[in-house]
Protein backbone atom coordinates (compact mmCIF):
# COMPACT_ATOMS: atom_id res chain seq x y z
CA MET A 1 63.96 102.62 68.38
CA THR A 2 64.57 101.82 65.08
CA LEU A 3 62.00 103.55 62.71
CA THR A 4 60.82 99.51 61.75
CA LYS A 5 59.93 98.75 65.26
CA ARG A 6 58.34 102.30 66.11
CA ILE A 7 55.98 101.35 63.00
CA SER A 8 55.10 97.75 64.09
CA GLU A 9 54.22 99.05 67.44
CA LEU A 10 52.45 101.78 65.63
CA MET A 11 50.32 99.35 63.79
CA GLN A 12 49.83 97.15 66.54
CA ALA A 13 48.22 99.97 68.84
CA ILE A 14 45.91 100.85 65.35
CA THR A 15 44.76 97.55 65.03
CA ALA A 16 44.21 96.50 68.49
CA ASN A 17 41.13 94.95 69.48
CA ILE A 18 39.63 94.83 66.11
CA PRO A 19 39.71 91.43 64.34
CA GLU A 20 40.30 90.13 61.24
CA ARG A 21 40.27 93.65 59.85
CA GLU A 22 43.68 94.03 61.13
CA PHE A 23 45.65 93.96 56.93
CA CYS A 24 42.77 96.92 56.00
CA ILE A 25 43.95 98.94 58.94
CA GLN A 26 47.88 98.89 57.99
CA LEU A 27 46.69 99.30 54.18
CA GLY A 28 44.37 102.94 54.88
CA PHE A 29 47.40 103.85 56.48
CA LEU A 30 50.06 103.14 54.22
CA ALA A 31 47.70 105.14 51.85
CA THR A 32 47.18 107.96 54.03
CA LEU A 33 50.82 107.70 54.18
CA VAL A 34 51.64 108.54 50.87
CA GLY A 35 49.03 110.43 50.23
CA LYS A 36 47.22 108.12 47.67
CA PRO A 37 43.25 108.31 47.75
CA PHE A 38 41.28 104.99 48.52
CA TYR A 39 38.08 104.26 48.49
CA LEU A 40 36.95 102.06 52.24
CA TYR A 41 34.10 99.69 51.62
CA GLY A 42 32.05 98.08 53.72
CA ARG A 43 28.51 96.85 54.53
CA SER A 44 26.40 98.98 57.28
CA GLY A 45 27.68 98.20 60.74
CA SER A 46 31.33 96.62 59.03
CA GLY A 47 33.27 98.92 60.57
CA LYS A 48 34.18 101.52 58.48
CA ALA A 49 34.01 104.94 61.24
CA LEU A 50 36.45 102.73 63.60
CA VAL A 51 38.40 101.38 60.96
CA ILE A 52 38.89 105.55 59.66
CA ASP A 53 39.67 106.38 63.62
CA ARG A 54 42.11 104.03 64.34
CA ILE A 55 44.18 105.46 60.47
CA THR A 56 43.88 108.85 61.05
CA SER A 57 44.72 108.42 65.44
CA ALA A 58 48.39 107.48 63.59
CA PHE A 59 48.79 111.14 62.63
CA ARG A 60 50.43 113.40 65.33
CA ASN A 61 47.95 117.00 65.11
CA VAL A 62 46.05 116.39 62.40
CA LYS A 63 43.69 118.42 61.01
CA ILE A 64 40.61 116.49 58.88
CA LEU A 65 37.78 117.65 57.46
CA LYS A 66 35.19 115.57 57.51
CA LEU A 67 32.20 115.47 55.54
CA GLY A 68 29.12 113.03 55.42
CA LYS A 69 26.65 112.52 52.93
CA ARG A 70 24.11 115.48 53.47
CA GLU A 71 25.15 118.34 50.65
CA GLN A 72 27.85 120.59 52.39
CA GLU A 73 29.82 123.19 50.60
CA LEU A 74 33.54 122.70 50.81
CA PRO A 75 35.54 125.78 52.72
CA PRO A 76 37.42 128.06 49.84
CA SER A 77 40.51 126.11 49.83
CA LEU A 78 42.03 122.87 51.29
CA ASP A 79 45.68 123.20 52.15
CA SER A 80 45.07 123.88 55.55
CA TYR A 81 43.94 119.98 56.29
CA ASP A 82 46.03 116.62 55.88
CA ILE A 83 43.45 114.44 55.83
CA VAL A 84 39.68 114.56 54.37
CA ILE A 85 37.49 111.95 54.69
CA PHE A 86 34.26 111.80 52.66
CA GLN A 87 32.13 109.68 55.61
CA SER A 88 28.37 107.06 54.21
CA PHE A 89 29.58 108.49 50.60
CA ASN A 90 26.05 108.83 48.60
CA PRO A 91 27.33 109.41 44.83
CA PHE A 92 23.31 110.09 43.69
CA GLU A 93 23.85 113.45 45.62
CA GLU A 94 24.56 116.05 42.68
CA LYS A 95 26.25 118.16 45.77
CA ASN A 96 28.62 115.11 47.38
CA LYS A 97 29.88 113.99 43.72
CA ALA A 98 31.22 117.40 43.04
CA ASN A 99 32.88 117.77 46.42
CA VAL A 100 34.56 114.93 45.72
CA HIS A 101 35.94 115.85 42.21
CA ILE A 102 37.28 119.37 43.80
CA ALA A 103 38.88 117.44 47.02
CA ILE A 104 40.69 114.93 44.28
CA GLU A 105 41.67 117.91 42.43
CA ASP A 106 42.33 120.63 44.98
CA ARG A 107 43.44 118.91 47.93
CA SER A 108 47.08 119.76 47.91
CA LYS A 109 48.86 117.72 50.65
CA ALA A 110 46.04 115.84 52.19
CA SER A 111 44.90 112.19 51.65
CA LEU A 112 41.53 111.48 51.30
CA ILE A 113 39.76 109.06 52.49
CA ILE A 114 36.05 108.04 51.08
CA SER A 115 34.03 105.34 52.84
CA GLY A 116 30.43 104.08 51.70
CA ASP A 117 28.72 100.91 52.05
CA ILE A 118 27.43 101.31 47.94
CA ARG A 119 29.68 98.77 46.60
CA PRO A 120 32.98 100.53 43.94
CA GLU A 121 32.11 99.60 40.78
CA VAL A 122 28.77 101.65 41.65
CA ALA A 123 29.71 104.26 43.16
CA LEU A 124 33.35 104.88 41.72
CA ASN A 125 31.11 104.72 37.83
CA ARG A 126 28.64 107.06 39.49
CA THR A 127 31.02 109.40 40.41
CA GLU A 128 33.43 109.28 36.98
CA ILE A 129 36.07 108.56 39.53
CA THR A 130 37.12 105.07 39.29
CA ASP A 131 40.03 105.72 37.43
CA LYS A 132 41.62 108.28 40.19
CA ILE A 133 41.44 106.18 43.10
CA THR A 134 44.58 104.22 43.96
CA LEU A 135 42.80 101.00 45.27
CA ILE A 136 39.78 99.86 47.38
CA VAL A 137 40.09 98.78 50.64
CA ALA A 138 37.23 96.32 51.20
CA LEU A 139 36.01 95.11 54.49
CA PRO A 140 34.47 92.17 55.72
CA ASP A 141 31.07 91.47 56.04
CA SER A 142 31.36 89.62 59.49
CA ILE A 143 34.55 88.01 61.75
CA SER A 144 34.20 84.39 62.77
CA SER A 145 33.29 82.86 66.03
CA ASP A 146 36.33 82.67 67.17
CA ALA A 147 36.91 86.56 66.50
CA LEU A 148 33.99 87.06 67.80
CA CYS A 149 34.23 85.63 71.08
CA ASN A 150 37.90 86.90 71.81
CA LEU A 151 36.35 90.76 71.23
CA LEU A 152 33.44 90.14 73.50
CA MET A 153 36.14 89.43 75.70
CA THR A 154 37.60 92.88 75.44
CA PRO A 155 36.82 94.47 78.55
CA SER A 156 38.49 97.89 76.82
CA ASP A 157 35.77 100.07 74.57
CA ILE A 158 36.60 99.46 70.88
CA SER A 159 36.12 103.19 70.25
CA LEU A 160 38.76 105.11 72.21
CA THR A 161 42.08 104.85 71.04
CA HIS A 162 44.75 105.12 72.49
CA ILE A 163 47.81 105.80 70.83
CA PRO A 164 51.19 106.62 72.56
CA VAL A 165 52.09 110.23 71.66
CA GLY A 166 55.68 108.56 70.65
CA LEU A 167 54.57 106.58 68.07
CA THR A 168 52.47 108.68 65.96
CA VAL A 169 53.51 110.08 63.33
CA THR A 170 54.28 113.60 62.48
CA ALA A 171 53.13 115.79 59.33
CA ASP A 172 57.06 116.89 58.43
CA GLU A 173 58.01 113.09 59.10
CA LYS A 174 55.35 112.52 56.97
CA ALA A 175 56.70 114.43 54.01
CA GLN A 176 60.39 113.39 55.40
CA TRP A 177 59.17 109.28 55.00
CA ASN A 178 57.93 110.19 51.33
CA ASP A 179 60.80 111.30 50.11
CA GLU A 180 62.66 108.42 51.28
CA ILE A 181 60.08 106.07 49.98
CA LYS A 182 60.45 107.22 46.40
CA LYS A 183 64.19 106.68 46.37
CA VAL A 184 63.36 102.78 47.20
CA THR A 185 64.67 100.66 44.10
CA LEU A 186 61.84 98.04 43.05
CA SER A 187 64.02 95.22 42.25
CA GLU A 188 63.35 93.19 39.25
CA ASP A 189 60.69 90.53 40.75
CA THR A 190 58.53 93.69 41.42
CA LEU A 191 58.64 94.31 38.16
CA TYR A 192 58.00 91.23 36.76
CA ILE A 193 55.10 90.92 38.36
CA ILE A 194 53.51 94.28 38.05
CA GLY A 195 54.16 93.61 34.50
CA GLU A 196 52.66 90.20 34.22
CA ILE A 197 49.30 91.65 35.52
CA ALA A 198 49.51 94.94 33.28
CA LYS A 199 49.56 91.78 30.34
CA THR A 200 46.74 90.55 32.14
CA CYS A 201 44.25 94.01 32.39
CA ASP A 202 45.97 94.31 29.03
CA GLU A 203 44.33 90.65 27.55
CA ASN A 204 40.91 90.51 29.45
CA ASN A 205 40.19 94.74 28.50
CA ILE A 206 40.76 96.66 31.81
CA TYR A 207 42.33 99.75 32.21
CA VAL A 208 44.49 100.59 34.82
CA PRO A 209 46.07 104.44 34.04
CA ILE A 210 49.59 104.90 35.09
CA ARG A 211 49.04 107.19 37.78
CA LYS A 212 47.34 105.08 39.60
CA TRP A 213 50.52 102.02 38.30
CA ILE A 214 52.81 104.76 39.84
CA ALA A 215 50.37 104.96 43.23
CA LEU A 216 50.26 101.29 43.68
CA THR A 217 54.38 100.71 43.23
CA ASN A 218 54.55 103.89 45.96
CA ILE A 219 52.76 101.85 48.51
CA ILE A 220 54.79 99.26 47.63
CA LYS A 221 57.77 100.86 48.12
CA ALA A 222 56.36 102.59 51.79
CA ALA A 223 56.05 98.97 52.37
CA ALA A 224 59.74 98.35 52.31
CA PHE A 225 61.11 101.23 53.24
CA PHE A 226 59.41 100.37 56.73
CA ASN A 227 60.89 96.91 57.05
CA GLY A 228 63.79 98.55 56.92
CA ARG A 229 64.87 97.83 52.89
CA GLN A 230 66.23 100.41 50.20
CA GLU A 231 65.21 97.49 47.28
CA THR A 232 61.54 95.76 47.50
CA ARG A 233 61.02 92.33 47.31
CA ILE A 234 57.75 89.74 46.39
CA THR A 235 56.18 89.79 50.18
CA ASP A 236 55.74 93.38 49.34
CA THR A 237 52.76 93.22 46.20
CA PHE A 238 51.43 90.85 48.01
CA PHE A 239 48.24 93.38 48.76
CA LEU A 240 48.49 93.36 44.48
CA GLY A 241 46.60 89.59 45.00
CA THR A 242 43.28 91.06 46.73
CA PRO A 243 39.93 92.95 45.63
CA ILE A 244 41.86 96.60 45.22
CA TRP A 245 41.06 96.76 41.75
CA GLY A 246 37.52 98.21 41.71
CA ARG A 247 35.06 96.01 40.04
CA THR A 248 34.14 92.26 41.01
CA MET A 249 34.87 90.95 37.81
CA THR A 250 38.74 93.62 37.29
CA ASN A 251 39.01 91.46 41.35
CA THR A 252 38.84 88.03 40.16
CA THR A 253 40.33 88.28 37.16
CA ILE A 254 43.08 90.28 38.16
CA ILE A 255 43.37 87.55 41.60
CA GLU A 256 43.66 84.92 39.62
CA SER A 257 46.27 85.78 37.26
CA TYR A 258 48.50 86.97 40.64
CA LYS A 259 48.25 84.19 42.18
CA ASN A 260 50.01 82.65 39.05
CA ILE A 261 52.32 85.55 38.67
CA VAL A 262 53.91 85.04 41.39
CA ARG A 263 54.16 80.99 41.91
CA ALA A 264 56.13 81.41 38.41
CA ARG A 265 57.98 84.13 40.00
CA ILE A 266 58.78 82.10 43.33
CA LEU A 267 59.71 79.22 41.38
CA LYS A 268 61.55 80.96 38.30
CA GLU A 269 64.31 78.77 38.61
CA ILE A 270 62.36 75.36 39.26
CA PRO A 271 58.78 76.53 36.39
CA ASP A 272 58.92 72.75 35.24
CA ILE A 273 58.28 71.42 38.47
CA ILE A 274 55.19 73.17 37.55
CA SER A 275 54.09 73.04 33.49
CA ASN A 276 56.20 69.44 33.21
CA PRO A 277 56.68 67.52 36.50
CA TYR A 278 58.63 64.43 37.05
CA ASP A 279 55.94 61.56 36.15
CA ALA A 280 57.67 59.19 38.75
CA ASP A 281 54.60 56.61 38.70
CA ASP A 282 55.28 56.53 34.40
CA LEU A 283 58.75 55.49 35.25
CA LEU A 284 58.16 52.69 37.69
CA ARG A 285 54.97 51.15 35.54
CA ARG A 286 57.56 50.91 33.24
CA VAL A 287 60.57 49.56 34.74
CA LYS A 288 57.73 46.64 36.16
CA HIS A 289 56.78 46.24 33.17
CA ILE A 290 60.40 45.78 31.70
CA LEU A 291 61.22 42.75 34.85
CA PHE A 292 58.22 41.68 35.96
CA THR A 293 55.99 40.93 32.27
CA SER A 294 57.02 37.57 30.23
CA ASN A 295 59.16 38.33 26.32
CA ASN A 296 56.02 38.24 24.46
CA LEU A 297 56.04 38.66 20.73
CA TYR A 298 51.79 39.77 20.37
CA GLU A 299 50.28 40.45 17.14
CA THR A 300 49.98 44.27 17.63
CA LYS A 301 49.18 47.14 15.37
CA MET A 302 50.27 50.81 14.80
CA PHE A 303 48.17 53.04 16.24
CA ASN A 304 48.22 56.98 17.75
CA ASN A 305 51.99 56.22 17.71
CA GLU A 306 52.67 53.16 19.65
CA PRO A 307 52.27 49.72 19.51
CA CYS A 308 48.08 48.96 20.72
CA VAL A 309 45.93 45.78 20.62
CA LEU A 310 42.86 45.52 18.49
CA TYR A 311 39.79 44.13 19.93
CA LYS A 312 36.75 44.47 18.36
CA ILE A 313 33.72 44.16 20.94
CA ASN A 314 29.95 44.71 20.04
CA ILE A 315 27.50 47.02 21.69
CA ALA A 316 23.59 47.77 21.51
CA GLY A 317 23.90 45.27 17.91
CA GLU A 318 27.34 47.56 16.26
CA PRO A 319 31.30 46.74 16.03
CA ALA A 320 33.23 49.04 18.07
CA PRO A 321 36.63 48.76 17.92
CA LEU A 322 38.87 49.43 20.38
CA TYR A 323 42.81 50.18 20.52
CA VAL A 324 45.05 48.58 23.91
CA PRO A 325 48.47 49.87 24.41
CA LEU A 326 51.12 47.50 24.32
CA ARG A 327 52.19 48.92 27.53
CA TYR A 328 49.12 47.69 29.57
CA VAL A 329 50.08 44.14 28.37
CA GLU A 330 50.36 41.89 31.53
CA SER A 331 49.56 44.84 33.75
CA ASP A 332 47.76 44.94 36.56
CA GLU A 333 46.03 48.94 36.64
CA ASP A 334 42.43 50.09 35.15
CA PHE A 335 43.38 52.05 32.06
CA ASN A 336 41.11 53.68 29.21
CA PRO A 337 41.15 52.00 25.41
CA LEU A 338 41.01 54.25 22.84
CA ASN A 339 38.44 55.20 20.64
CA GLU A 340 38.67 54.57 16.80
CA LEU A 341 38.99 59.06 17.29
CA LYS A 342 42.21 58.32 18.52
CA GLN A 343 40.55 59.54 22.09
CA GLU A 344 40.26 57.70 25.41
CA GLU A 345 36.86 56.02 26.00
CA LYS A 346 36.43 57.18 29.18
CA ARG A 347 32.80 54.62 28.86
CA VAL A 348 35.24 51.07 28.83
CA ARG A 349 37.79 50.40 31.40
CA CYS A 350 39.69 47.77 30.58
CA ASN A 351 42.37 45.66 33.16
CA PHE A 352 44.85 42.64 32.71
CA HIS A 353 45.33 41.74 36.28
CA GLY A 354 48.88 40.70 35.73
CA THR A 355 47.59 38.16 32.52
CA THR A 356 47.57 38.41 29.28
CA SER A 357 44.02 38.27 28.81
CA CYS A 358 41.73 41.70 28.93
CA THR A 359 38.94 41.75 31.17
CA ILE A 360 36.47 45.01 30.16
CA SER A 361 33.65 46.58 31.53
CA ILE A 362 31.33 49.25 29.95
CA ASP A 363 29.47 52.20 31.08
CA SER A 364 26.05 50.68 31.43
CA ALA A 365 24.74 54.01 29.45
CA VAL A 366 25.97 53.52 26.72
CA LYS A 367 24.07 49.14 26.68
CA THR A 368 21.51 50.62 24.20
CA ILE A 369 23.18 53.09 22.36
CA GLY A 370 26.39 52.09 21.47
CA LEU A 371 29.36 53.16 20.94
CA ARG A 372 30.42 54.64 18.03
CA ASN A 373 26.42 56.18 17.87
CA THR A 374 27.08 58.27 19.93
CA TYR A 375 30.59 59.38 17.56
CA ALA A 376 27.84 60.08 14.78
CA ARG A 377 25.93 62.08 16.84
CA GLY A 378 28.59 64.87 17.61
CA LEU A 379 28.27 64.01 20.95
CA GLN A 380 31.82 62.28 21.89
CA GLY A 381 33.05 65.46 23.94
CA GLN A 382 29.94 64.35 26.39
CA GLN A 383 32.14 60.55 26.84
CA THR A 384 34.79 62.88 29.42
CA LYS A 385 32.60 61.05 32.65
CA PRO A 386 30.71 57.92 32.51
CA GLN A 387 26.89 58.93 32.63
CA GLY A 388 26.19 54.63 34.38
CA LYS A 389 27.10 52.15 36.25
CA PHE A 390 30.39 50.61 34.74
CA GLU A 391 29.23 46.54 34.05
CA ASP A 392 31.34 43.45 33.67
CA PHE A 393 31.40 43.21 29.50
CA GLY A 394 33.81 40.21 28.54
CA THR A 395 37.46 38.89 28.53
CA LEU A 396 39.29 38.49 25.54
CA PRO A 397 43.16 36.85 24.98
CA THR A 398 46.00 38.90 23.48
CA TYR A 399 47.36 36.89 20.96
CA ILE A 400 50.62 35.49 21.83
CA LEU A 401 53.26 35.48 18.24
CA MET A 402 56.63 33.97 19.85
CA GLU A 403 57.28 33.21 23.48
CA ASN A 404 60.80 34.52 24.47
CA ALA A 405 61.06 35.87 21.55
CA PRO A 406 64.80 37.33 20.98
CA GLU A 407 63.66 40.88 19.44
CA VAL A 408 61.36 41.21 22.37
CA ILE A 409 65.24 40.86 24.73
CA GLU A 410 66.80 43.08 23.19
CA GLN A 411 64.44 45.47 23.32
CA LYS A 412 63.72 44.77 26.73
CA LYS A 413 67.77 45.75 27.54
CA ALA A 414 67.59 48.80 25.27
CA GLN A 415 64.95 50.59 27.26
CA LEU A 416 66.48 49.55 30.44
CA ALA A 417 69.80 51.22 29.21
CA ASP A 418 68.04 53.85 28.89
CA ILE A 419 66.11 53.85 31.75
CA ARG A 420 68.61 53.66 33.94
CA GLU A 421 70.38 57.22 32.25
CA GLU A 422 66.62 58.26 32.21
CA ILE A 423 67.56 57.70 36.23
CA GLN A 424 70.07 58.89 36.38
CA THR A 425 69.29 62.97 35.06
CA ALA A 426 65.65 62.43 36.59
CA ALA A 427 67.37 61.87 40.26
CA GLU A 428 70.13 64.54 40.12
CA ARG A 429 67.61 67.66 38.90
CA GLU A 430 64.60 66.80 40.84
CA THR A 431 67.51 67.15 44.07
CA LYS A 432 68.12 70.01 42.69
CA ASN A 433 64.61 71.18 42.72
CA LEU A 434 64.37 70.13 46.46
CA GLN A 435 66.95 71.83 47.33
CA THR A 436 65.91 75.72 45.68
CA LEU A 437 62.74 75.05 46.98
CA ARG A 438 63.88 74.68 50.54
CA ASN A 439 65.89 78.14 49.53
CA VAL A 440 62.49 78.69 48.30
CA PHE A 441 60.98 78.91 51.76
CA ASN A 442 64.18 80.10 53.17
CA ASP A 443 63.19 83.22 51.39
CA ILE A 444 59.64 83.63 52.01
CA LYS A 445 59.90 82.71 55.82
CA ALA A 446 62.60 85.90 56.05
CA SER A 447 59.42 88.06 55.23
CA LYS A 448 57.04 85.74 57.83
CA ASP A 449 57.50 88.46 60.59
CA ASP A 450 57.63 91.78 57.88
CA LEU A 451 55.63 94.46 58.58
CA PHE A 452 51.98 95.08 55.90
CA CYS A 453 52.65 91.38 54.83
CA HIS A 454 49.25 90.05 53.55
CA LYS A 455 49.20 87.41 56.22
CA GLU A 456 46.83 85.43 54.31
CA PHE A 457 48.21 85.30 51.26
CA PHE A 458 51.85 85.01 53.13
CA LYS A 459 50.72 81.24 54.47
CA LYS A 460 49.26 80.10 51.17
CA ALA A 461 52.70 80.97 49.67
CA GLN A 462 54.78 79.05 51.67
CA GLU A 463 51.57 75.90 51.43
CA GLN A 464 52.96 75.66 47.85
CA VAL A 465 56.07 75.90 48.35
CA THR A 466 55.87 73.13 51.32
CA GLU A 467 53.67 70.83 49.44
CA LEU A 468 55.72 70.66 45.69
CA PHE A 469 58.31 70.46 48.64
CA GLU A 470 57.29 67.13 49.75
CA SER A 471 55.98 65.99 46.56
CA THR A 472 59.51 66.47 45.25
CA LYS A 473 60.82 63.79 48.16
CA THR A 474 58.50 61.49 46.72
CA ILE A 475 58.77 61.57 42.94
CA ILE A 476 62.64 60.75 43.99
CA GLY A 477 61.69 58.49 46.59
CA LYS A 478 59.92 56.46 43.50
CA ILE A 479 62.85 57.07 41.43
CA LYS A 480 65.12 55.80 43.81
CA GLU A 481 62.71 52.44 44.07
CA ALA A 482 63.28 52.44 40.55
CA HIS A 483 66.80 52.24 40.99
CA GLU A 484 66.72 49.82 43.51
CA LEU A 485 64.00 47.09 41.08
CA ILE A 486 66.71 47.54 38.58
CA ALA A 487 70.15 46.75 40.43
CA ASN A 488 68.90 43.60 41.88
CA GLN A 489 67.03 42.33 39.10
CA LYS A 490 69.59 39.99 37.46
CA THR A 491 67.77 38.85 34.67
CA PHE A 492 64.59 38.70 33.32
């Protein structure tokens, strides 16, 4: 039996019949194996004692020192113990607090588990050991209804653990594996992710001691080692995106940042797909506007670096200029015109309905106060979302200077030539993106059955790539549609 299969069967055995806590047990096992202290947090009745029993049952002939919430004396030496456990830890008892400090400093080869129902930021700060605890393993407050029903139908007593002796870890194996785990290489992807998390911590004044980073990377290496690899993968770091960091605000900050960091790293070969996606809808709109609109020359004014039709309307007794970009004339889409501050005027909605006359609707909330009064009062930042409902205001014509104007025809021809080149470039780029996304998905999928892979985060990563794959296929379809429209159109 390979080591990977053995550990896989061991994990199945120690997590059996404990629904929705499997990864907590796996993470606790890794931390215990590499000898890194962790705080097991959970509300009363969440299963902390059961989780500890499952974790410790993975080790053979292990000598355990258990300390309860009452004040107890530590033995003169901890050298003879393999695991030291503080159950129902009370940080407000000075003796317990002193014992934890002694255990952290003098535990020698012993692993250390501290469990309690006091929030980590309170318990660890009160005990002054925040910087000495590698991670937090937080148990869910409850279980889902489906998991509860399955648990209730389990015939065996879940408090009884039956682990085949051949699967359990001996002291010699633990020492040998730790030596081999240290030799595992941190991949460029792993180093990038750790570095970016460290930047996030610096930017948000979150202190993470160096020894904690070393401890976390040892757990990452251990995950790779038990999967039979000598180099880490991105999936080995997924637990960094869970609430292991202590403070609630720290967890929130790092978890949100980690999601973006991992997404950026997974898509490192196609970074623009997120930051600057191709707008195929705009391409289609431009093509249709060139092909299916008249060649009229309209009276316009340059505004915000593009030709616009100027309309002046009166609302609540005051004039307000509206600038309508020429690209919308003869289109059939709703849009917001620009106001004199060069902002989209969200409280006004326009549509040409395929003609040269613009229908205008206004938000009923500005009927009595007007548009310009709002600017004068410094309230323009509040107009991002209409407050009332839109009501018809009127229909205004666009003044035509010349029909079938030669300069317009030549301009459209030049625009079509540019668009043909754009279509070719965009089609090549998006096709390459599609292939890259397929490769990324397959790379992630290869880790589907990896030990210690956080399944929920894994699923979300796959879903993100799948969504991007489908959206890229849609973009390619619209690029193809634009190409066919041009190819089938002989004249303007």
